[in-house]
PDB file of all heavy atoms in Angstrom:
ATOM      1  N   SER A   1      -2.394  41.807 -14.972  1.00  0.00           N
ATOM      2  CA  SER A   1      -3.098  42.203 -16.165  1.00  0.00           C
ATOM      3  C   SER A   1      -2.704  41.328 -17.312  1.00  0.00           C
ATOM      4  O   SER A   1      -1.757  40.586 -17.258  1.00  0.00           O
ATOM      5  CB  SER A   1      -2.824  43.654 -16.497  1.00  0.00           C
ATOM      6  OG  SER A   1      -1.469  43.807 -16.842  1.00  0.00           O
ATOM      7  N   SER A   2      -3.396  41.487 -18.441  1.00  0.00           N
ATOM      8  CA  SER A   2      -3.127  40.617 -19.562  1.00  0.00           C
ATOM      9  C   SER A   2      -2.272  41.310 -20.590  1.00  0.00           C
ATOM     10  O   SER A   2      -2.261  42.518 -20.696  1.00  0.00           O
ATOM     11  CB  SER A   2      -4.431  40.192 -20.197  1.00  0.00           C
ATOM     12  OG  SER A   2      -5.122  41.322 -20.629  1.00  0.00           O
ATOM     13  N   PRO A   3      -1.537  40.544 -21.402  1.00  0.00           N
ATOM     14  CA  PRO A   3      -0.655  41.157 -22.370  1.00  0.00           C
ATOM     15  C   PRO A   3      -1.406  41.651 -23.583  1.00  0.00           C
ATOM     16  O   PRO A   3      -2.192  40.931 -24.174  1.00  0.00           O
ATOM     17  CB  PRO A   3       0.281  40.014 -22.762  1.00  0.00           C
ATOM     18  CG  PRO A   3      -0.512  38.787 -22.521  1.00  0.00           C
ATOM     19  CD  PRO A   3      -1.452  39.093 -21.399  1.00  0.00           C
ATOM     20  N   PRO A   4      -1.192  42.924 -23.979  1.00  0.00           N
ATOM     21  CA  PRO A   4      -1.763  43.362 -25.236  1.00  0.00           C
ATOM     22  C   PRO A   4      -1.039  42.704 -26.394  1.00  0.00           C
ATOM     23  O   PRO A   4       0.073  42.222 -26.238  1.00  0.00           O
ATOM     24  CB  PRO A   4      -1.527  44.880 -25.222  1.00  0.00           C
ATOM     25  CG  PRO A   4      -0.370  45.072 -24.313  1.00  0.00           C
ATOM     26  CD  PRO A   4      -0.431  43.961 -23.304  1.00  0.00           C
ATOM     27  N   ALA A   5      -1.651  42.712 -27.547  1.00  0.00           N
ATOM     28  CA  ALA A   5      -1.007  42.107 -28.705  1.00  0.00           C
ATOM     29  C   ALA A   5       0.245  42.878 -29.074  1.00  0.00           C
ATOM     30  O   ALA A   5       0.275  44.103 -29.051  1.00  0.00           O
ATOM     31  CB  ALA A   5      -1.978  42.098 -29.893  1.00  0.00           C
ATOM     32  N   ALA A   6       1.300  42.163 -29.425  1.00  0.00           N
ATOM     33  CA  ALA A   6       2.546  42.806 -29.794  1.00  0.00           C
ATOM     34  C   ALA A   6       2.383  43.538 -31.111  1.00  0.00           C
ATOM     35  O   ALA A   6       1.785  43.054 -32.053  1.00  0.00           O
ATOM     36  CB  ALA A   6       3.644  41.763 -29.905  1.00  0.00           C
ATOM     37  N   SER A   7       2.928  44.742 -31.180  1.00  0.00           N
ATOM     38  CA  SER A   7       2.908  45.522 -32.401  1.00  0.00           C
ATOM     39  C   SER A   7       4.086  46.470 -32.361  1.00  0.00           C
ATOM     40  O   SER A   7       4.727  46.639 -31.329  1.00  0.00           O
ATOM     41  CB  SER A   7       1.601  46.323 -32.505  1.00  0.00           C
ATOM     42  OG  SER A   7       1.586  47.370 -31.564  1.00  0.00           O
ATOM     43  N   PRO A   8       4.388  47.162 -33.481  1.00  0.00           N
ATOM     44  CA  PRO A   8       5.534  48.070 -33.470  1.00  0.00           C
ATOM     45  C   PRO A   8       5.404  49.189 -32.454  1.00  0.00           C
ATOM     46  O   PRO A   8       6.384  49.817 -32.101  1.00  0.00           O
ATOM     47  CB  PRO A   8       5.533  48.608 -34.908  1.00  0.00           C
ATOM     48  CG  PRO A   8       4.872  47.541 -35.703  1.00  0.00           C
ATOM     49  CD  PRO A   8       3.825  46.986 -34.806  1.00  0.00           C
ATOM     50  N   SER A   9       4.188  49.473 -31.976  1.00  0.00           N
ATOM     51  CA  SER A   9       4.025  50.578 -31.040  1.00  0.00           C
ATOM     52  C   SER A   9       3.492  50.126 -29.697  1.00  0.00           C
ATOM     53  O   SER A   9       2.953  50.912 -28.950  1.00  0.00           O
ATOM     54  CB  SER A   9       3.066  51.618 -31.633  1.00  0.00           C
ATOM     55  OG  SER A   9       1.805  51.040 -31.870  1.00  0.00           O
ATOM     56  N   ALA A  10       3.629  48.864 -29.397  1.00  0.00           N
ATOM     57  CA  ALA A  10       3.066  48.355 -28.143  1.00  0.00           C
ATOM     58  C   ALA A  10       4.133  47.686 -27.318  1.00  0.00           C
ATOM     59  O   ALA A  10       5.177  47.296 -27.810  1.00  0.00           O
ATOM     60  CB  ALA A  10       1.937  47.368 -28.431  1.00  0.00           C
ATOM     61  N   VAL A  11       3.843  47.568 -26.029  1.00  0.00           N
ATOM     62  CA  VAL A  11       4.722  46.836 -25.139  1.00  0.00           C
ATOM     63  C   VAL A  11       4.034  45.543 -24.746  1.00  0.00           C
ATOM     64  O   VAL A  11       2.838  45.516 -24.521  1.00  0.00           O
ATOM     65  CB  VAL A  11       5.050  47.665 -23.885  1.00  0.00           C
ATOM     66  CG1 VAL A  11       3.808  48.025 -23.113  1.00  0.00           C
ATOM     67  CG2 VAL A  11       5.999  46.902 -22.984  1.00  0.00           C
ATOM     68  N   VAL A  12       4.775  44.481 -24.689  1.00  0.00           N
ATOM     69  CA  VAL A  12       4.238  43.203 -24.229  1.00  0.00           C
ATOM     70  C   VAL A  12       4.479  43.118 -22.744  1.00  0.00           C
ATOM     71  O   VAL A  12       5.618  43.103 -22.302  1.00  0.00           O
ATOM     72  CB  VAL A  12       4.909  42.024 -24.957  1.00  0.00           C
ATOM     73  CG1 VAL A  12       4.361  40.712 -24.440  1.00  0.00           C
ATOM     74  CG2 VAL A  12       4.684  42.154 -26.458  1.00  0.00           C
ATOM     75  N   VAL A  13       3.425  43.068 -21.962  1.00  0.00           N
ATOM     76  CA  VAL A  13       3.530  43.130 -20.515  1.00  0.00           C
ATOM     77  C   VAL A  13       3.417  41.735 -19.929  1.00  0.00           C
ATOM     78  O   VAL A  13       2.556  40.956 -20.340  1.00  0.00           O
ATOM     79  CB  VAL A  13       2.420  44.030 -19.935  1.00  0.00           C
ATOM     80  CG1 VAL A  13       2.554  44.134 -18.430  1.00  0.00           C
ATOM     81  CG2 VAL A  13       2.478  45.398 -20.578  1.00  0.00           C
ATOM     82  N   ALA A  14       4.259  41.427 -18.975  1.00  0.00           N
ATOM     83  CA  ALA A  14       4.187  40.122 -18.323  1.00  0.00           C
ATOM     84  C   ALA A  14       2.816  39.930 -17.719  1.00  0.00           C
ATOM     85  O   ALA A  14       2.263  40.830 -17.124  1.00  0.00           O
ATOM     86  CB  ALA A  14       5.243  40.019 -17.233  1.00  0.00           C
ATOM     87  N   SER A  15       2.282  38.756 -17.859  1.00  0.00           N
ATOM     88  CA  SER A  15       0.930  38.502 -17.395  1.00  0.00           C
ATOM     89  C   SER A  15       0.801  37.130 -16.769  1.00  0.00           C
ATOM     90  O   SER A  15       1.148  36.135 -17.379  1.00  0.00           O
ATOM     91  CB  SER A  15      -0.054  38.595 -18.564  1.00  0.00           C
ATOM     92  OG  SER A  15      -1.325  38.178 -18.167  1.00  0.00           O
ATOM     93  N   PRO A  16       0.268  37.070 -15.556  1.00  0.00           N
ATOM     94  CA  PRO A  16       0.035  35.772 -14.958  1.00  0.00           C
ATOM     95  C   PRO A  16      -1.006  34.956 -15.698  1.00  0.00           C
ATOM     96  O   PRO A  16      -0.985  33.740 -15.669  1.00  0.00           O
ATOM     97  CB  PRO A  16      -0.451  36.121 -13.550  1.00  0.00           C
ATOM     98  CG  PRO A  16       0.064  37.484 -13.298  1.00  0.00           C
ATOM     99  CD  PRO A  16       0.046  38.162 -14.635  1.00  0.00           C
ATOM    100  N   THR A  17      -1.983  35.595 -16.338  1.00  0.00           N
ATOM    101  CA  THR A  17      -3.004  34.853 -17.037  1.00  0.00           C
ATOM    102  C   THR A  17      -3.140  35.370 -18.445  1.00  0.00           C
ATOM    103  O   THR A  17      -2.639  36.414 -18.793  1.00  0.00           O
ATOM    104  CB  THR A  17      -4.371  34.981 -16.334  1.00  0.00           C
ATOM    105  OG1 THR A  17      -4.876  36.297 -16.567  1.00  0.00           O
ATOM    106  CG2 THR A  17      -4.261  34.723 -14.849  1.00  0.00           C
ATOM    107  N   SER A  18      -3.876  34.643 -19.238  1.00  0.00           N
ATOM    108  CA  SER A  18      -4.143  35.063 -20.601  1.00  0.00           C
ATOM    109  C   SER A  18      -5.482  35.774 -20.701  1.00  0.00           C
ATOM    110  O   SER A  18      -6.025  35.935 -21.772  1.00  0.00           O
ATOM    111  CB  SER A  18      -4.160  33.848 -21.529  1.00  0.00           C
ATOM    112  OG  SER A  18      -5.139  32.928 -21.106  1.00  0.00           O
ATOM    113  N   THR A  19      -6.005  36.236 -19.590  1.00  0.00           N
ATOM    114  CA  THR A  19      -7.318  36.842 -19.571  1.00  0.00           C
ATOM    115  C   THR A  19      -7.246  38.322 -19.839  1.00  0.00           C
ATOM    116  O   THR A  19      -6.238  38.972 -19.605  1.00  0.00           O
ATOM    117  CB  THR A  19      -7.982  36.629 -18.196  1.00  0.00           C
ATOM    118  OG1 THR A  19      -7.253  37.355 -17.231  1.00  0.00           O
ATOM    119  CG2 THR A  19      -8.011  35.171 -17.838  1.00  0.00           C
ATOM    120  N   PRO A  20      -8.363  38.924 -20.324  1.00  0.00           N
ATOM    121  CA  PRO A  20      -8.412  40.374 -20.443  1.00  0.00           C
ATOM    122  C   PRO A  20      -8.343  41.023 -19.075  1.00  0.00           C
ATOM    123  O   PRO A  20      -8.573  40.392 -18.047  1.00  0.00           O
ATOM    124  CB  PRO A  20      -9.778  40.620 -21.104  1.00  0.00           C
ATOM    125  CG  PRO A  20     -10.160  39.313 -21.721  1.00  0.00           C
ATOM    126  CD  PRO A  20      -9.550  38.260 -20.840  1.00  0.00           C
ATOM    127  N   VAL A  21      -8.080  42.326 -19.054  1.00  0.00           N
ATOM    128  CA  VAL A  21      -8.028  43.062 -17.795  1.00  0.00           C
ATOM    129  C   VAL A  21      -9.386  43.019 -17.135  1.00  0.00           C
ATOM    130  O   VAL A  21     -10.413  43.205 -17.775  1.00  0.00           O
ATOM    131  CB  VAL A  21      -7.626  44.521 -18.057  1.00  0.00           C
ATOM    132  CG1 VAL A  21      -7.655  45.321 -16.768  1.00  0.00           C
ATOM    133  CG2 VAL A  21      -6.241  44.575 -18.682  1.00  0.00           C
ATOM    134  N   ALA A  22      -9.420  42.767 -15.852  1.00  0.00           N
ATOM    135  CA  ALA A  22     -10.687  42.618 -15.153  1.00  0.00           C
ATOM    136  C   ALA A  22     -11.335  43.958 -14.882  1.00  0.00           C
ATOM    137  O   ALA A  22     -10.674  44.968 -14.728  1.00  0.00           O
ATOM    138  CB  ALA A  22     -10.462  41.887 -13.835  1.00  0.00           C
ATOM    139  N   THR A  23     -12.668  43.972 -14.828  1.00  0.00           N
ATOM    140  CA  THR A  23     -13.388  45.173 -14.434  1.00  0.00           C
ATOM    141  C   THR A  23     -13.740  45.131 -12.952  1.00  0.00           C
ATOM    142  O   THR A  23     -14.098  46.137 -12.374  1.00  0.00           O
ATOM    143  CB  THR A  23     -14.685  45.313 -15.240  1.00  0.00           C
ATOM    144  OG1 THR A  23     -15.462  44.130 -15.076  1.00  0.00           O
ATOM    145  CG2 THR A  23     -14.376  45.503 -16.716  1.00  0.00           C
ATOM    146  N   THR A  24     -13.680  43.977 -12.366  1.00  0.00           N
ATOM    147  CA  THR A  24     -13.978  43.823 -10.949  1.00  0.00           C
ATOM    148  C   THR A  24     -12.917  42.923 -10.354  1.00  0.00           C
ATOM    149  O   THR A  24     -12.595  41.891 -10.908  1.00  0.00           O
ATOM    150  CB  THR A  24     -15.360  43.170 -10.743  1.00  0.00           C
ATOM    151  OG1 THR A  24     -16.347  43.963 -11.402  1.00  0.00           O
ATOM    152  CG2 THR A  24     -15.684  43.040  -9.267  1.00  0.00           C
ATOM    153  N   ILE A  25     -12.360  43.321  -9.214  1.00  0.00           N
ATOM    154  CA  ILE A  25     -11.313  42.484  -8.642  1.00  0.00           C
ATOM    155  C   ILE A  25     -11.909  41.168  -8.178  1.00  0.00           C
ATOM    156  O   ILE A  25     -13.083  41.062  -7.859  1.00  0.00           O
ATOM    157  CB  ILE A  25     -10.597  43.196  -7.471  1.00  0.00           C
ATOM    158  CG1 ILE A  25     -11.582  43.609  -6.372  1.00  0.00           C
ATOM    159  CG2 ILE A  25      -9.803  44.361  -7.938  1.00  0.00           C
ATOM    160  CD1 ILE A  25     -10.899  44.223  -5.181  1.00  0.00           C
ATOM    161  N   ALA A  26     -11.066  40.172  -8.185  1.00  0.00           N
ATOM    162  CA  ALA A  26     -11.500  38.826  -7.844  1.00  0.00           C
ATOM    163  C   ALA A  26     -11.851  38.728  -6.374  1.00  0.00           C
ATOM    164  O   ALA A  26     -11.584  39.638  -5.591  1.00  0.00           O
ATOM    165  CB  ALA A  26     -10.380  37.847  -8.181  1.00  0.00           C
ATOM    166  N   PRO A  27     -12.457  37.625  -5.962  1.00  0.00           N
ATOM    167  CA  PRO A  27     -12.788  37.457  -4.547  1.00  0.00           C
ATOM    168  C   PRO A  27     -11.561  37.605  -3.664  1.00  0.00           C
ATOM    169  O   PRO A  27     -10.451  37.279  -4.069  1.00  0.00           O
ATOM    170  CB  PRO A  27     -13.339  36.026  -4.488  1.00  0.00           C
ATOM    171  CG  PRO A  27     -13.798  35.730  -5.874  1.00  0.00           C
ATOM    172  CD  PRO A  27     -12.885  36.493  -6.774  1.00  0.00           C
ATOM    173  N   SER A  28     -11.759  38.127  -2.474  1.00  0.00           N
ATOM    174  CA  SER A  28     -10.656  38.272  -1.544  1.00  0.00           C
ATOM    175  C   SER A  28     -10.092  36.905  -1.186  1.00  0.00           C
ATOM    176  O   SER A  28     -10.781  35.888  -1.295  1.00  0.00           O
ATOM    177  CB  SER A  28     -11.135  38.973  -0.266  1.00  0.00           C
ATOM    178  OG  SER A  28     -11.604  40.264  -0.572  1.00  0.00           O
ATOM    179  N   PRO A  29      -8.821  36.876  -0.759  1.00  0.00           N
ATOM    180  CA  PRO A  29      -8.238  35.587  -0.374  1.00  0.00           C
ATOM    181  C   PRO A  29      -9.126  34.876   0.640  1.00  0.00           C
ATOM    182  O   PRO A  29      -9.655  35.478   1.559  1.00  0.00           O
ATOM    183  CB  PRO A  29      -6.896  35.987   0.230  1.00  0.00           C
ATOM    184  CG  PRO A  29      -6.568  37.294  -0.420  1.00  0.00           C
ATOM    185  CD  PRO A  29      -7.887  37.983  -0.619  1.00  0.00           C
ATOM    186  N   THR A  30      -9.305  33.575   0.455  1.00  0.00           N
ATOM    187  CA  THR A  30     -10.197  32.825   1.325  1.00  0.00           C
ATOM    188  C   THR A  30      -9.407  31.818   2.135  1.00  0.00           C
ATOM    189  O   THR A  30      -8.360  31.345   1.717  1.00  0.00           O
ATOM    190  CB  THR A  30     -11.237  32.068   0.495  1.00  0.00           C
ATOM    191  OG1 THR A  30     -10.549  31.221  -0.429  1.00  0.00           O
ATOM    192  CG2 THR A  30     -12.130  33.018  -0.267  1.00  0.00           C
ATOM    193  N   PRO A  31      -9.887  31.473   3.310  1.00  0.00           N
ATOM    194  CA  PRO A  31      -9.234  30.422   4.085  1.00  0.00           C
ATOM    195  C   PRO A  31      -9.486  29.067   3.458  1.00  0.00           C
ATOM    196  O   PRO A  31     -10.308  28.922   2.553  1.00  0.00           O
ATOM    197  CB  PRO A  31      -9.906  30.545   5.454  1.00  0.00           C
ATOM    198  CG  PRO A  31     -11.257  31.096   5.143  1.00  0.00           C
ATOM    199  CD  PRO A  31     -11.062  32.034   3.976  1.00  0.00           C
ATOM    200  N   SER A  32      -8.778  28.066   3.950  1.00  0.00           N
ATOM    201  CA  SER A  32      -9.003  26.717   3.448  1.00  0.00           C
ATOM    202  C   SER A  32     -10.447  26.310   3.696  1.00  0.00           C
ATOM    203  O   SER A  32     -11.070  26.709   4.670  1.00  0.00           O
ATOM    204  CB  SER A  32      -8.051  25.746   4.144  1.00  0.00           C
ATOM    205  OG  SER A  32      -6.714  26.104   3.891  1.00  0.00           O
ATOM    206  N   GLY A  33     -10.999  25.493   2.796  1.00  0.00           N
ATOM    207  CA  GLY A  33     -12.375  25.055   2.925  1.00  0.00           C
ATOM    208  C   GLY A  33     -13.077  25.190   1.593  1.00  0.00           C
ATOM    209  O   GLY A  33     -12.448  25.234   0.541  1.00  0.00           O
ATOM    210  N   ARG A  34     -14.387  25.237   1.622  1.00  0.00           N
ATOM    211  CA  ARG A  34     -15.176  25.315   0.397  1.00  0.00           C
ATOM    212  C   ARG A  34     -15.236  26.753  -0.097  1.00  0.00           C
ATOM    213  O   ARG A  34     -15.639  27.663   0.634  1.00  0.00           O
ATOM    214  CB  ARG A  34     -16.576  24.791   0.661  1.00  0.00           C
ATOM    215  CG  ARG A  34     -17.366  24.453  -0.603  1.00  0.00           C
ATOM    216  CD  ARG A  34     -16.778  23.275  -1.316  1.00  0.00           C
ATOM    217  NE  ARG A  34     -17.591  22.870  -2.491  1.00  0.00           N
ATOM    218  CZ  ARG A  34     -17.151  22.059  -3.422  1.00  0.00           C
ATOM    219  NH1 ARG A  34     -15.920  21.557  -3.346  1.00  0.00           N
ATOM    220  NH2 ARG A  34     -17.930  21.718  -4.440  1.00  0.00           N
ATOM    221  N   HIS A  35     -14.840  26.968  -1.327  1.00  0.00           N
ATOM    222  CA  HIS A  35     -14.865  28.300  -1.934  1.00  0.00           C
ATOM    223  C   HIS A  35     -15.861  28.295  -3.074  1.00  0.00           C
ATOM    224  O   HIS A  35     -15.876  27.382  -3.903  1.00  0.00           O
ATOM    225  CB  HIS A  35     -13.477  28.672  -2.458  1.00  0.00           C
ATOM    226  CG  HIS A  35     -13.490  29.857  -3.382  1.00  0.00           C
ATOM    227  ND1 HIS A  35     -13.699  31.140  -2.940  1.00  0.00           N
ATOM    228  CD2 HIS A  35     -13.342  29.943  -4.735  1.00  0.00           C
ATOM    229  CE1 HIS A  35     -13.663  31.974  -3.974  1.00  0.00           C
ATOM    230  NE2 HIS A  35     -13.450  31.274  -5.069  1.00  0.00           N
ATOM    231  N   VAL A  36     -16.714  29.311  -3.131  1.00  0.00           N
ATOM    232  CA  VAL A  36     -17.708  29.452  -4.188  1.00  0.00           C
ATOM    233  C   VAL A  36     -17.476  30.763  -4.922  1.00  0.00           C
ATOM    234  O   VAL A  36     -17.360  31.820  -4.295  1.00  0.00           O
ATOM    235  CB  VAL A  36     -19.144  29.421  -3.627  1.00  0.00           C
ATOM    236  CG1 VAL A  36     -20.163  29.577  -4.752  1.00  0.00           C
ATOM    237  CG2 VAL A  36     -19.399  28.136  -2.857  1.00  0.00           C
TER     238      VAL A  36
END
């Protein structure tokens, strides 16, 4: 998930990306080859 903005009443959460929280999970892991 993405980190919310820091504030006196918020927690900064570790985030792999700087993106907002997704509404749909990303594509399932794919084998090597062409991915669309």
